[in-house]
Amino acid sequence: METVLSGIRSTGQLHLGNYFGALRNFVEMQHENRCFFFIADYHSLTTHPDPTHLHDNIRTILAEYLAAGLDPDVATLYIQSDVPEVAELSLLLSMHAYVGELERTASFKEKIRKQPDNVNVGLLSYPVLMAADILIHRATRVPVGKDQEQHLELTRRFARRFNQIYGVDFFPESQPYTSNHELIKIPGLNGSGKMGKSEGNCVYLTDDEKTIHKKVMKAVTDSGPTEPNSPMPEVIANLFTILRAVSTPEVVADFTAKWNDCSIRYGDLKKQLAADINATVAPIRERYAEIVGDEAYLSKVVRQGAEKARASADATLSQVREIMGIRKF
């Protein structure tokens, strides 16, 4: 059995891209592996979020995780800051992480380009904290997207370096998790790029039917095909990508045929797409509405998750301290 770890920043609200990119795989993998899923509130602090919203964002993400099917009695679901061992391991790992290699990471270069007035140490050491998240449970598998592959490679580098410096075989070199489901990159409704909160092109898992319909009907299209079997422009190909994710093969085949014979009506396509998106997210939305206001249940889940995560983390950290020579009198 593999030990699998995955986390998400506590920025609030999951969208369709999150679901097809990761969430449905999490639900599956929790029954096949020893899984840890955490809400990364420390990581979110690098962008200085509004502290009055941080807790509500964590609540939203927690409730959506649960609504999507994560079972706290099967997997360990916890909040990053509830496990202080992570911060200590990050400090210890940073003693063998070098400034040059951190400055060369693509994510750091991108962040300082986007926020030149907030180039904080947390941004620079982000990969070290991410490595600590993974190594604190000695995870062997990590579900990662393309934008996180370099961070996972750094985690392996830190693990190798630790093992070599201290002459041990303690930390595993975590590998990407390979799912039975294809990870689908869901494009945004604005015609290009992936679906993302910052781009404002999302369908959220908690959007109601009316909101979904309104968003989809506003999706960018073109004037339609003028020749049979012509290639689809990006804006239309994007709608078909979403359609393939949420609709039946018969529906996809029908609209593909209509595109190829130039009889497609985008209004019909969008109505079908909106209906099928709603059918996909409706069970999650309904379960979320039941969970998000249940303070007692959410508190129980968080306490239970912190207890299990800290037991695992303490076992790792105790051995790391011993290996590094940090011992009690």
Protein backbone atom coordinates (compact mmCIF):
# COMPACT_ATOMS: atom_id res chain seq x y z
CA MET A 1 0.00 0.00 0.00
CA GLU A 2 1.31 3.42 -1.00
CA THR A 3 1.32 6.48 1.27
CA VAL A 4 -0.28 9.29 -0.76
CA LEU A 5 -0.38 12.97 0.15
CA SER A 6 -2.09 15.90 -1.51
CA GLY A 7 -2.98 19.43 -0.51
CA ILE A 8 -4.84 22.47 -1.76
CA ARG A 9 -4.34 26.13 -0.90
CA SER A 10 -7.03 27.59 1.35
CA THR A 11 -8.22 30.18 -1.15
CA GLY A 12 -11.85 29.11 -1.07
CA GLN A 13 -14.23 27.43 -3.54
CA LEU A 14 -13.38 24.49 -5.76
CA HIS A 15 -14.35 24.55 -9.42
CA LEU A 16 -14.97 22.10 -12.22
CA GLY A 17 -11.28 22.09 -13.12
CA ASN A 18 -10.35 21.01 -9.59
CA TYR A 19 -12.90 18.22 -9.72
CA PHE A 20 -11.73 16.63 -12.97
CA GLY A 21 -8.10 17.47 -12.30
CA ALA A 22 -7.91 15.87 -8.86
CA LEU A 23 -10.97 15.53 -6.64
CA ARG A 24 -12.61 12.51 -8.23
CA ASN A 25 -9.24 10.75 -8.13
CA PHE A 26 -8.87 11.54 -4.43
CA VAL A 27 -12.19 9.85 -3.73
CA GLU A 28 -10.99 6.73 -5.51
CA MET A 29 -7.45 6.60 -4.14
CA GLN A 30 -8.50 6.92 -0.47
CA HIS A 31 -9.81 3.34 -0.57
CA GLU A 32 -6.64 1.95 -2.14
CA ASN A 33 -3.87 3.74 -0.26
CA ARG A 34 -2.88 5.32 3.05
CA CYS A 35 -3.98 8.85 2.19
CA PHE A 36 -3.38 12.27 3.72
CA PHE A 37 -5.30 15.27 2.35
CA PHE A 38 -4.60 18.67 3.85
CA ILE A 39 -5.73 22.26 3.47
CA ALA A 40 -2.61 24.38 2.99
CA ASP A 41 -3.29 27.52 4.96
CA TYR A 42 0.42 28.23 5.59
CA HIS A 43 1.08 28.26 1.84
CA SER A 44 -1.73 30.74 1.22
CA LEU A 45 -0.08 33.30 3.52
CA THR A 46 2.57 34.12 0.91
CA THR A 47 0.00 36.31 -0.86
CA HIS A 48 -1.15 38.03 2.37
CA PRO A 49 -4.82 36.99 2.26
CA ASP A 50 -7.41 38.94 4.23
CA PRO A 51 -7.25 37.37 7.72
CA THR A 52 -10.98 37.94 8.20
CA HIS A 53 -11.65 35.59 5.27
CA LEU A 54 -9.02 32.91 5.87
CA HIS A 55 -11.06 30.81 8.31
CA ASP A 56 -14.16 30.95 6.13
CA ASN A 57 -12.08 29.85 3.13
CA ILE A 58 -10.79 26.87 5.10
CA ARG A 59 -14.33 25.96 6.11
CA THR A 60 -15.46 26.14 2.47
CA ILE A 61 -12.64 23.93 1.21
CA LEU A 62 -13.14 21.43 4.04
CA ALA A 63 -16.88 21.17 3.38
CA GLU A 64 -16.31 20.80 -0.37
CA TYR A 65 -13.73 18.06 0.13
CA LEU A 66 -16.23 16.17 2.27
CA ALA A 67 -19.14 16.86 -0.09
CA ALA A 68 -17.10 15.50 -3.01
CA GLY A 69 -16.70 12.18 -1.24
CA LEU A 70 -13.61 12.23 0.95
CA ASP A 71 -14.26 10.06 4.00
CA PRO A 72 -12.50 11.24 7.20
CA ASP A 73 -12.91 7.74 8.64
CA VAL A 74 -10.92 6.29 5.73
CA ALA A 75 -8.40 9.01 4.83
CA THR A 76 -6.67 11.59 7.04
CA LEU A 77 -8.11 15.03 6.28
CA TYR A 78 -6.50 17.89 8.17
CA ILE A 79 -5.52 21.57 8.21
CA GLN A 80 -1.82 22.25 7.68
CA SER A 81 -1.46 24.66 10.62
CA ASP A 82 -2.96 22.06 13.00
CA VAL A 83 0.22 20.02 12.54
CA PRO A 84 3.11 22.17 13.89
CA GLU A 85 5.56 19.37 13.14
CA VAL A 86 5.34 20.44 9.48
CA ALA A 87 6.79 23.87 10.30
CA GLU A 88 9.64 22.36 12.30
CA LEU A 89 10.53 19.88 9.56
CA SER A 90 10.48 22.73 7.04
CA LEU A 91 13.00 24.59 9.21
CA LEU A 92 15.25 21.53 9.47
CA LEU A 93 15.09 20.81 5.74
CA SER A 94 15.92 24.46 4.98
CA MET A 95 19.37 23.92 6.51
CA HIS A 96 20.23 21.86 3.43
CA ALA A 97 18.27 23.82 0.81
CA TYR A 98 20.32 26.35 -1.12
CA VAL A 99 19.24 29.85 -2.10
CA GLY A 100 20.39 29.44 -5.71
CA GLU A 101 18.29 26.37 -6.39
CA LEU A 102 15.23 27.99 -4.85
CA GLU A 103 15.67 31.18 -6.87
CA ARG A 104 15.79 29.15 -10.07
CA THR A 105 12.38 27.52 -9.60
CA ALA A 106 9.82 28.47 -12.25
CA SER A 107 7.13 29.15 -9.65
CA PHE A 108 9.33 31.65 -7.77
CA LYS A 109 10.19 33.51 -10.97
CA GLU A 110 6.50 33.64 -11.89
CA LYS A 111 5.44 34.85 -8.45
CA ILE A 112 7.97 37.68 -8.32
CA ARG A 113 6.82 38.73 -11.77
CA LYS A 114 3.20 38.84 -10.64
CA GLN A 115 3.82 40.42 -7.22
CA PRO A 116 7.09 42.41 -7.40
CA ASP A 117 6.15 44.39 -4.29
CA ASN A 118 5.74 41.26 -2.18
CA VAL A 119 8.80 39.07 -2.78
CA ASN A 120 8.80 37.50 0.68
CA VAL A 121 10.93 34.69 2.12
CA GLY A 122 7.86 32.47 2.16
CA LEU A 123 7.74 32.60 -1.65
CA LEU A 124 11.41 31.65 -1.88
CA SER A 125 11.12 28.79 0.62
CA TYR A 126 7.75 27.59 -0.69
CA PRO A 127 9.29 24.38 -2.14
CA VAL A 128 10.89 23.59 1.23
CA LEU A 129 7.56 23.84 3.03
CA MET A 130 5.97 21.76 0.29
CA ALA A 131 8.69 19.15 0.74
CA ALA A 132 8.01 19.14 4.48
CA ASP A 133 4.30 18.55 3.82
CA ILE A 134 5.21 15.47 1.78
CA LEU A 135 8.12 14.10 3.80
CA ILE A 136 6.45 14.53 7.21
CA HIS A 137 4.38 11.46 6.35
CA ARG A 138 7.14 9.90 4.23
CA ALA A 139 4.72 9.88 1.31
CA THR A 140 5.65 7.67 -1.62
CA ARG A 141 3.12 9.12 -4.09
CA VAL A 142 1.89 12.66 -4.70
CA PRO A 143 -0.78 13.71 -7.21
CA VAL A 144 0.70 16.73 -9.00
CA GLY A 145 -0.16 18.85 -11.99
CA LYS A 146 2.34 20.09 -14.55
CA ASP A 147 2.90 23.30 -12.59
CA GLN A 148 4.01 21.36 -9.51
CA GLU A 149 6.35 18.80 -11.11
CA GLN A 150 9.44 20.92 -10.39
CA HIS A 151 8.48 21.15 -6.71
CA LEU A 152 8.14 17.38 -6.48
CA GLU A 153 11.57 17.00 -8.10
CA LEU A 154 12.97 19.37 -5.46
CA THR A 155 11.32 17.25 -2.76
CA ARG A 156 13.14 14.20 -4.11
CA ARG A 157 16.37 16.21 -4.19
CA PHE A 158 15.95 17.28 -0.55
CA ALA A 159 15.16 13.69 0.46
CA ARG A 160 18.27 12.36 -1.35
CA ARG A 161 20.44 15.10 0.13
CA PHE A 162 19.24 14.38 3.66
CA ASN A 163 19.85 10.66 3.25
CA GLN A 164 23.33 11.22 1.80
CA ILE A 165 24.45 13.79 4.38
CA TYR A 166 23.46 11.62 7.32
CA GLY A 167 24.21 8.23 5.77
CA VAL A 168 20.67 6.91 6.15
CA ASP A 169 17.91 5.53 3.95
CA PHE A 170 15.10 7.38 5.71
CA PHE A 171 13.14 9.58 3.34
CA PRO A 172 11.58 8.02 0.23
CA GLU A 173 11.87 9.77 -3.13
CA SER A 174 8.20 10.57 -3.72
CA GLN A 175 6.86 9.85 -7.20
CA PRO A 176 3.83 11.27 -9.03
CA TYR A 177 0.58 9.41 -8.37
CA THR A 178 -0.81 7.73 -11.45
CA SER A 179 -4.60 7.46 -11.43
CA ASN A 180 -6.91 5.15 -13.32
CA HIS A 181 -8.70 8.30 -14.51
CA GLU A 182 -7.20 10.60 -17.08
CA LEU A 183 -6.47 14.00 -15.54
CA ILE A 184 -8.54 16.37 -17.65
CA LYS A 185 -7.43 19.96 -18.00
CA ILE A 186 -10.72 21.85 -17.96
CA PRO A 187 -10.50 25.09 -19.96
CA GLY A 188 -12.15 28.31 -18.88
CA LEU A 189 -15.36 29.68 -20.33
CA ASN A 190 -13.61 32.78 -21.65
CA GLY A 191 -12.15 30.99 -24.65
CA SER A 192 -8.60 30.13 -23.65
CA GLY A 193 -6.44 28.91 -20.81
CA LYS A 194 -7.39 26.58 -17.98
CA MET A 195 -10.27 27.16 -15.61
CA GLY A 196 -9.07 29.17 -12.63
CA LYS A 197 -10.44 31.39 -9.89
CA SER A 198 -8.09 34.28 -10.65
CA GLU A 199 -9.15 34.26 -14.31
CA GLY A 200 -12.84 34.60 -13.44
CA ASN A 201 -13.77 31.84 -15.90
CA CYS A 202 -14.98 29.17 -13.47
CA VAL A 203 -18.00 27.07 -12.79
CA TYR A 204 -17.81 26.39 -9.05
CA LEU A 205 -18.95 23.10 -7.53
CA THR A 206 -21.43 25.02 -5.38
CA ASP A 207 -22.92 27.16 -8.17
CA ASP A 208 -26.70 26.72 -8.45
CA GLU A 209 -28.42 25.66 -11.65
CA LYS A 210 -29.36 29.22 -12.65
CA THR A 211 -25.82 30.50 -12.14
CA ILE A 212 -24.33 27.63 -14.15
CA HIS A 213 -26.76 28.26 -17.01
CA LYS A 214 -25.95 31.99 -17.02
CA LYS A 215 -22.19 31.42 -17.03
CA VAL A 216 -22.25 28.79 -19.78
CA MET A 217 -24.56 30.82 -22.03
CA LYS A 218 -21.99 33.64 -21.87
CA ALA A 219 -19.14 31.35 -22.95
CA VAL A 220 -17.09 32.64 -25.87
CA THR A 221 -17.91 31.16 -29.31
CA ASP A 222 -17.40 32.18 -32.94
CA SER A 223 -19.62 32.57 -36.02
CA GLY A 224 -19.74 28.82 -36.66
CA PRO A 225 -18.20 26.43 -39.21
CA THR A 226 -18.41 27.34 -42.88
CA GLU A 227 -16.98 24.13 -44.37
CA PRO A 228 -17.75 20.50 -43.46
CA ASN A 229 -15.22 18.72 -41.21
CA SER A 230 -13.22 21.90 -40.63
CA PRO A 231 -10.86 22.10 -37.62
CA MET A 232 -12.36 23.58 -34.47
CA PRO A 233 -10.95 26.91 -33.29
CA GLU A 234 -9.70 26.96 -29.71
CA VAL A 235 -12.81 28.58 -28.23
CA ILE A 236 -15.05 25.82 -29.62
CA ALA A 237 -12.61 23.00 -28.91
CA ASN A 238 -12.62 24.19 -25.28
CA LEU A 239 -16.40 23.81 -25.03
CA PHE A 240 -16.14 20.32 -26.48
CA THR A 241 -13.45 19.45 -23.90
CA ILE A 242 -15.87 20.34 -21.11
CA LEU A 243 -18.68 18.50 -22.92
CA ARG A 244 -16.61 15.29 -23.09
CA ALA A 245 -15.98 15.56 -19.34
CA VAL A 246 -19.61 15.95 -18.24
CA SER A 247 -21.78 14.47 -21.01
CA THR A 248 -22.48 11.03 -22.41
CA PRO A 249 -20.56 9.78 -25.48
CA GLU A 250 -23.83 9.91 -27.41
CA VAL A 251 -24.28 13.63 -26.70
CA VAL A 252 -20.66 14.36 -27.66
CA ALA A 253 -21.02 12.37 -30.88
CA ASP A 254 -24.24 14.17 -31.79
CA PHE A 255 -22.76 17.67 -31.43
CA THR A 256 -19.53 16.60 -33.14
CA ALA A 257 -21.56 15.41 -36.12
CA LYS A 258 -23.45 18.70 -36.18
CA TRP A 259 -20.16 20.59 -36.17
CA ASN A 260 -18.83 18.48 -39.02
CA ASP A 261 -21.92 19.01 -41.20
CA CYS A 262 -22.14 22.74 -40.27
CA SER A 263 -25.58 22.40 -38.68
CA ILE A 264 -24.46 23.09 -35.11
CA ARG A 265 -26.37 25.69 -33.09
CA TYR A 266 -24.26 27.07 -30.26
CA GLY A 267 -27.33 27.92 -28.20
CA ASP A 268 -28.33 24.25 -28.16
CA LEU A 269 -24.77 23.20 -27.36
CA LYS A 270 -24.56 25.59 -24.43
CA LYS A 271 -27.95 24.56 -23.03
CA GLN A 272 -26.93 20.90 -23.12
CA LEU A 273 -23.55 21.70 -21.60
CA ALA A 274 -25.12 23.72 -18.77
CA ALA A 275 -27.58 20.93 -18.00
CA ASP A 276 -24.86 18.28 -17.92
CA ILE A 277 -22.54 20.40 -15.76
CA ASN A 278 -25.41 20.89 -13.33
CA ALA A 279 -26.09 17.15 -13.25
CA THR A 280 -22.41 16.58 -12.42
CA VAL A 281 -22.15 19.08 -9.57
CA ALA A 282 -25.69 18.88 -8.13
CA PRO A 283 -24.97 15.97 -5.71
CA ILE A 284 -21.83 17.77 -4.45
CA ARG A 285 -23.69 21.08 -4.11
CA GLU A 286 -26.53 19.47 -2.15
CA ARG A 287 -24.19 17.60 0.18
CA TYR A 288 -22.14 20.78 0.67
CA ALA A 289 -25.25 22.69 1.78
CA GLU A 290 -25.85 20.04 4.45
CA ILE A 291 -22.27 20.02 5.70
CA VAL A 292 -21.08 23.63 5.68
CA GLY A 293 -23.39 24.75 8.48
CA ASP A 294 -22.79 21.71 10.70
CA GLU A 295 -20.23 23.16 13.09
CA ALA A 296 -20.13 20.08 15.30
CA TYR A 297 -19.40 17.74 12.40
CA LEU A 298 -16.71 19.97 10.87
CA SER A 299 -15.03 20.38 14.26
CA LYS A 300 -15.04 16.63 14.77
CA VAL A 301 -13.50 16.04 11.34
CA VAL A 302 -10.76 18.61 11.98
CA ARG A 303 -9.91 17.26 15.44
CA GLN A 304 -9.87 13.69 14.21
CA GLY A 305 -7.69 14.61 11.23
CA ALA A 306 -5.23 16.61 13.33
CA GLU A 307 -4.86 13.74 15.78
CA LYS A 308 -4.08 11.19 13.06
CA ALA A 309 -1.82 13.55 11.12
CA ARG A 310 0.14 14.57 14.21
CA ALA A 311 0.71 10.95 15.22
CA SER A 312 2.25 10.27 11.80
CA ALA A 313 4.18 13.55 11.79
CA ASP A 314 5.57 13.10 15.30
CA ALA A 315 6.92 9.65 14.43
CA THR A 316 8.79 11.12 11.45
CA LEU A 317 10.05 14.24 13.20
CA SER A 318 11.33 12.32 16.23
CA GLN A 319 13.50 10.20 13.97
CA VAL A 320 14.68 13.23 11.95
CA ARG A 321 15.77 15.01 15.13
CA GLU A 322 17.63 11.91 16.28
CA ILE A 323 19.34 11.49 12.90
CA MET A 324 20.43 15.15 12.89
CA GLY A 325 21.80 14.87 16.42
CA ILE A 326 19.10 16.89 18.18
CA ARG A 327 18.66 14.89 21.39
CA LYS A 328 17.24 15.54 24.83
CA PHE A 329 19.37 15.38 27.96
